[in-house]
Amino acid sequence: MSDNNSIPKSLIIGKNVVIEDNVHFGENVTIGHNSVILEGTYIGDNVSIGANCILGIRPGGNKKMRKPGDSLNSLHIYPNTKIGNLVSIYTGVVIHENVFIGDHASIRENVSVGSGSVIGRGAMVELNSQIGKNVTVQTLAYVTGDTILEDNVFIGPCVSMSNDKYMGAKEFTLKGPHIKKGAKIGNNASLLPGVTVGNNTIVGAGSVVTKDLDDNSTFAGVPAKMISSQISDNKEDIK
């Protein structure tokens, strides 16, 4: 631990924790055993960090991967966020208030996670994605890079998304799905690059979304097709 850090007396640190220079801590922060907090990370009040986490990772890669640029901001974790064990979060990420991040989750650079959201156990959020308020990303879901999840979206377990239309075969502007407010995506659904899922729309479990979906509708199947154009208050959601 460096003298360049602001260390309040309320900080609780487990065994073998590494804290690099220029890390800011709020009050009542807890860090579990063997975690690493990298340079420049900002941690607000009442944040809990589990064991074996790495926070503030600087992205790497090779010639086939996109370069993140040199202008990444620091990792910023706002108050009352809870981070599980074995979590990796990159620099350039903003985690807003009251977020919960489950064990084994990973969040890449240039991602924003809105207040009250949940990133489930083993979920992956790739670079340049925006996650709104009160979003749930369930266990083992894969949120591809360049994706937008608006407020109150639900992503079921093992949902998969893609952002490369040609799977690396030729140049293409990478674009993930845009899932609008209140939409729900069922377990094991797959979403192709650039698709838009409308406000309050439901996508059934195991569906494959190949094109834009209308607002306030229910879709299911391979490929996903409309099965209802209005969602009744007493109709059971397909999950």
Protein backbone atom coordinates (compact mmCIF):
# COMPACT_ATOMS: atom_id res chain seq x y z
CA MET A 1 0.00 0.00 0.00
CA SER A 2 1.37 3.38 -1.02
CA ASP A 3 1.43 6.66 0.87
CA ASN A 4 -0.18 8.19 -2.24
CA ASN A 5 -3.53 6.66 -1.29
CA SER A 6 -6.27 8.20 0.80
CA ILE A 7 -6.85 5.56 3.50
CA PRO A 8 -9.70 6.23 5.93
CA LYS A 9 -9.63 4.52 9.31
CA SER A 10 -12.87 2.72 8.47
CA LEU A 11 -11.24 0.72 5.63
CA ILE A 12 -11.26 -3.04 6.32
CA ILE A 13 -8.63 -5.01 4.38
CA GLY A 14 -8.24 -8.79 4.17
CA LYS A 15 -4.98 -10.71 3.91
CA ASN A 16 -2.59 -10.30 0.95
CA VAL A 17 -4.45 -7.33 -0.54
CA VAL A 18 -2.47 -5.21 -3.06
CA ILE A 19 -3.34 -1.53 -3.45
CA GLU A 20 -1.43 0.48 -6.07
CA ASP A 21 -0.78 4.24 -6.06
CA ASN A 22 -3.44 6.94 -6.34
CA VAL A 23 -6.41 4.86 -5.21
CA HIS A 24 -9.23 6.77 -3.50
CA PHE A 25 -11.33 5.12 -0.79
CA GLY A 26 -14.57 6.38 0.74
CA GLU A 27 -15.72 5.48 4.21
CA ASN A 28 -16.64 1.96 5.34
CA VAL A 29 -15.08 0.11 2.41
CA THR A 30 -14.35 -3.62 2.82
CA ILE A 31 -11.85 -5.56 0.67
CA GLY A 32 -11.61 -9.36 0.82
CA HIS A 33 -8.49 -11.53 0.88
CA ASN A 34 -6.05 -11.52 -2.07
CA SER A 35 -7.78 -8.75 -4.03
CA VAL A 36 -5.82 -6.26 -6.15
CA ILE A 37 -6.86 -2.61 -6.56
CA LEU A 38 -4.94 -1.04 -9.44
CA GLU A 39 -3.75 2.52 -9.91
CA GLY A 40 -6.26 5.35 -10.17
CA THR A 41 -9.31 3.41 -9.00
CA TYR A 42 -11.98 5.43 -7.17
CA ILE A 43 -14.11 3.59 -4.61
CA GLY A 44 -17.02 5.36 -2.90
CA ASP A 45 -18.56 4.94 0.55
CA ASN A 46 -19.96 1.63 1.81
CA VAL A 47 -18.54 -0.45 -1.05
CA SER A 48 -17.92 -4.14 -0.39
CA ILE A 49 -15.33 -6.01 -2.50
CA GLY A 50 -14.98 -9.79 -2.24
CA ALA A 51 -11.91 -12.00 -2.25
CA ASN A 52 -9.58 -12.54 -5.24
CA CYS A 53 -10.91 -9.59 -7.26
CA ILE A 54 -8.89 -7.44 -9.66
CA LEU A 55 -10.19 -3.89 -10.12
CA GLY A 56 -8.91 -1.29 -12.60
CA ILE A 57 -7.35 -3.66 -15.16
CA ARG A 58 -5.64 -2.03 -18.13
CA PRO A 59 -6.76 -3.70 -21.38
CA GLY A 60 -4.33 -5.62 -23.54
CA GLY A 61 -4.69 -7.62 -26.75
CA ASN A 62 -3.07 -8.43 -30.08
CA LYS A 63 -3.25 -7.18 -33.68
CA LYS A 64 -6.65 -8.78 -34.31
CA MET A 65 -8.26 -6.95 -31.39
CA ARG A 66 -9.46 -3.38 -31.17
CA LYS A 67 -7.20 -0.90 -29.46
CA PRO A 68 -8.96 0.81 -26.53
CA GLY A 69 -7.07 4.07 -26.95
CA ASP A 70 -5.00 6.01 -24.46
CA SER A 71 -7.77 8.17 -23.02
CA LEU A 72 -9.48 5.67 -20.72
CA ASN A 73 -10.72 7.15 -17.47
CA SER A 74 -10.14 5.46 -14.14
CA LEU A 75 -12.47 2.81 -12.75
CA HIS A 76 -15.08 4.63 -10.67
CA ILE A 77 -17.27 2.70 -8.21
CA TYR A 78 -20.03 4.73 -6.59
CA PRO A 79 -21.36 4.19 -3.04
CA ASN A 80 -23.24 1.14 -1.72
CA THR A 81 -22.07 -1.21 -4.46
CA LYS A 82 -21.46 -4.87 -3.60
CA ILE A 83 -18.87 -6.85 -5.57
CA GLY A 84 -18.59 -10.63 -5.16
CA ASN A 85 -15.54 -12.89 -5.30
CA LEU A 86 -13.23 -13.46 -8.26
CA VAL A 87 -14.60 -10.43 -10.13
CA SER A 88 -12.54 -8.59 -12.76
CA ILE A 89 -13.39 -5.00 -13.72
CA TYR A 90 -11.36 -2.94 -16.21
CA THR A 91 -10.38 0.70 -16.15
CA GLY A 92 -12.73 3.16 -17.83
CA VAL A 93 -15.77 1.58 -16.16
CA VAL A 94 -18.35 3.51 -14.13
CA ILE A 95 -20.39 1.51 -11.61
CA HIS A 96 -23.21 3.65 -10.19
CA GLU A 97 -24.88 3.44 -6.77
CA ASN A 98 -26.41 0.30 -5.26
CA VAL A 99 -25.15 -2.08 -7.96
CA PHE A 100 -24.61 -5.77 -7.18
CA ILE A 101 -21.97 -7.74 -9.11
CA GLY A 102 -21.93 -11.51 -8.57
CA ASP A 103 -19.01 -13.89 -8.21
CA HIS A 104 -16.85 -14.55 -11.31
CA ALA A 105 -18.38 -11.66 -13.29
CA SER A 106 -16.21 -9.64 -15.68
CA ILE A 107 -16.77 -6.08 -16.95
CA ARG A 108 -14.56 -4.72 -19.72
CA GLU A 109 -13.40 -1.14 -20.38
CA ASN A 110 -15.66 1.81 -21.31
CA VAL A 111 -18.77 0.32 -19.71
CA SER A 112 -21.36 2.17 -17.62
CA VAL A 113 -23.63 0.28 -15.20
CA GLY A 114 -26.62 2.27 -13.94
CA SER A 115 -27.78 2.50 -10.34
CA GLY A 116 -29.65 -0.44 -8.83
CA SER A 117 -28.55 -2.89 -11.53
CA VAL A 118 -27.45 -6.50 -11.03
CA ILE A 119 -24.66 -8.22 -12.95
CA GLY A 120 -25.11 -11.91 -12.18
CA ARG A 121 -22.70 -14.68 -11.31
CA GLY A 122 -20.32 -15.42 -14.18
CA ALA A 123 -21.88 -12.80 -16.46
CA MET A 124 -19.65 -11.08 -19.02
CA VAL A 125 -20.08 -7.46 -20.13
CA GLU A 126 -17.82 -6.52 -23.03
CA LEU A 127 -16.31 -3.13 -23.90
CA ASN A 128 -18.16 0.06 -24.90
CA SER A 129 -21.52 -1.11 -23.56
CA GLN A 130 -24.13 0.94 -21.69
CA ILE A 131 -26.32 -0.60 -19.01
CA GLY A 132 -29.14 1.50 -17.61
CA LYS A 133 -30.79 1.69 -14.20
CA ASN A 134 -32.38 -1.31 -12.48
CA VAL A 135 -31.20 -3.73 -15.16
CA THR A 136 -30.80 -7.44 -14.34
CA VAL A 137 -28.19 -9.45 -16.22
CA GLN A 138 -28.58 -13.00 -14.98
CA THR A 139 -26.07 -15.82 -14.42
CA LEU A 140 -23.66 -16.61 -17.29
CA ALA A 141 -25.23 -14.09 -19.68
CA TYR A 142 -22.94 -12.65 -22.35
CA VAL A 143 -23.40 -8.96 -23.19
CA THR A 144 -21.29 -8.34 -26.27
CA GLY A 145 -19.35 -5.14 -26.92
CA ASP A 146 -21.15 -2.01 -28.20
CA THR A 147 -24.48 -3.02 -26.66
CA ILE A 148 -27.14 -0.78 -25.09
CA LEU A 149 -29.43 -2.07 -22.35
CA GLU A 150 -31.90 0.64 -21.34
CA ASP A 151 -33.52 0.99 -17.90
CA ASN A 152 -35.42 -1.94 -16.31
CA VAL A 153 -34.26 -4.52 -18.87
CA PHE A 154 -34.12 -8.18 -17.81
CA ILE A 155 -31.55 -10.52 -19.38
CA GLY A 156 -32.11 -14.18 -18.47
CA PRO A 157 -29.45 -16.78 -17.69
CA CYS A 158 -27.14 -17.81 -20.53
CA VAL A 159 -28.44 -15.22 -23.00
CA SER A 160 -25.88 -14.63 -25.75
CA MET A 161 -25.37 -11.56 -27.93
CA SER A 162 -23.11 -10.83 -30.90
CA ASN A 163 -21.77 -7.65 -32.53
CA ASP A 164 -19.83 -8.86 -35.60
CA LYS A 165 -22.08 -9.58 -38.58
CA TYR A 166 -19.31 -11.26 -40.58
CA MET A 167 -17.55 -13.04 -37.70
CA GLY A 168 -14.20 -11.47 -38.53
CA ALA A 169 -14.27 -12.38 -42.23
CA LYS A 170 -14.23 -8.73 -43.34
CA GLU A 171 -14.34 -5.20 -41.99
CA PHE A 172 -17.57 -4.28 -40.23
CA THR A 173 -18.60 -1.58 -37.76
CA LEU A 174 -19.20 -3.58 -34.61
CA LYS A 175 -22.65 -3.04 -33.12
CA GLY A 176 -24.34 -5.06 -30.43
CA PRO A 177 -28.08 -5.24 -29.73
CA HIS A 178 -30.08 -2.26 -28.46
CA ILE A 179 -32.61 -3.47 -25.90
CA LYS A 180 -35.12 -0.78 -24.95
CA LYS A 181 -36.77 0.02 -21.62
CA GLY A 182 -38.55 -2.75 -19.81
CA ALA A 183 -37.78 -5.49 -22.35
CA LYS A 184 -37.26 -9.06 -21.10
CA ILE A 185 -35.03 -11.63 -22.77
CA GLY A 186 -35.64 -15.27 -21.77
CA ASN A 187 -33.08 -17.93 -20.89
CA ASN A 188 -30.63 -19.05 -23.61
CA ALA A 189 -31.94 -16.62 -26.23
CA SER A 190 -29.46 -15.45 -28.88
CA LEU A 191 -29.42 -11.91 -30.30
CA LEU A 192 -27.66 -11.13 -33.58
CA PRO A 193 -25.62 -7.96 -34.25
CA GLY A 194 -27.40 -4.61 -34.34
CA VAL A 195 -30.93 -5.82 -33.58
CA THR A 196 -33.31 -3.59 -31.60
CA VAL A 197 -35.75 -5.06 -29.09
CA GLY A 198 -38.64 -2.68 -28.45
CA ASN A 199 -39.93 -1.20 -25.21
CA ASN A 200 -41.53 -3.77 -22.85
CA THR A 201 -41.14 -6.54 -25.42
CA ILE A 202 -40.65 -10.15 -24.30
CA VAL A 203 -38.36 -12.62 -26.07
CA GLY A 204 -39.09 -16.25 -25.21
CA ALA A 205 -36.49 -18.70 -23.90
CA GLY A 206 -34.23 -20.20 -26.56
CA SER A 207 -35.30 -17.77 -29.27
CA VAL A 208 -32.97 -16.42 -31.95
CA VAL A 209 -33.50 -12.72 -32.68
CA THR A 210 -32.44 -11.94 -36.26
CA LYS A 211 -34.25 -8.62 -36.86
CA ASP A 212 -35.75 -5.66 -35.00
CA LEU A 213 -38.70 -6.40 -32.71
CA ASP A 214 -41.66 -4.07 -32.13
CA ASP A 215 -42.63 -2.46 -28.82
CA ASN A 216 -45.06 -4.12 -26.39
CA SER A 217 -44.99 -7.50 -28.11
CA THR A 218 -44.04 -11.11 -27.39
CA PHE A 219 -41.73 -13.05 -29.70
CA ALA A 220 -40.55 -16.66 -29.62
CA GLY A 221 -38.95 -19.27 -31.85
CA VAL A 222 -36.05 -19.77 -34.26
CA PRO A 223 -36.04 -17.25 -35.80
CA ALA A 224 -38.11 -15.26 -33.31
CA LYS A 225 -41.64 -14.46 -34.56
CA MET A 226 -44.43 -12.41 -33.00
CA ILE A 227 -46.94 -14.43 -31.01
CA SER A 228 -48.69 -11.48 -29.30
CA SER A 229 -48.88 -7.79 -30.15
CA GLN A 230 -50.09 -6.59 -26.74
CA ILE A 231 -49.04 -7.75 -23.29
CA SER A 232 -52.03 -8.19 -21.01
CA ASP A 233 -51.62 -7.41 -17.33
CA ASN A 234 -52.80 -10.91 -16.41
CA LYS A 235 -50.90 -12.81 -19.05
CA GLU A 236 -47.95 -14.86 -17.85
CA ASP A 237 -44.63 -13.67 -19.27
CA ILE A 238 -42.58 -16.07 -21.32
CA LYS A 239 -39.16 -16.41 -19.70
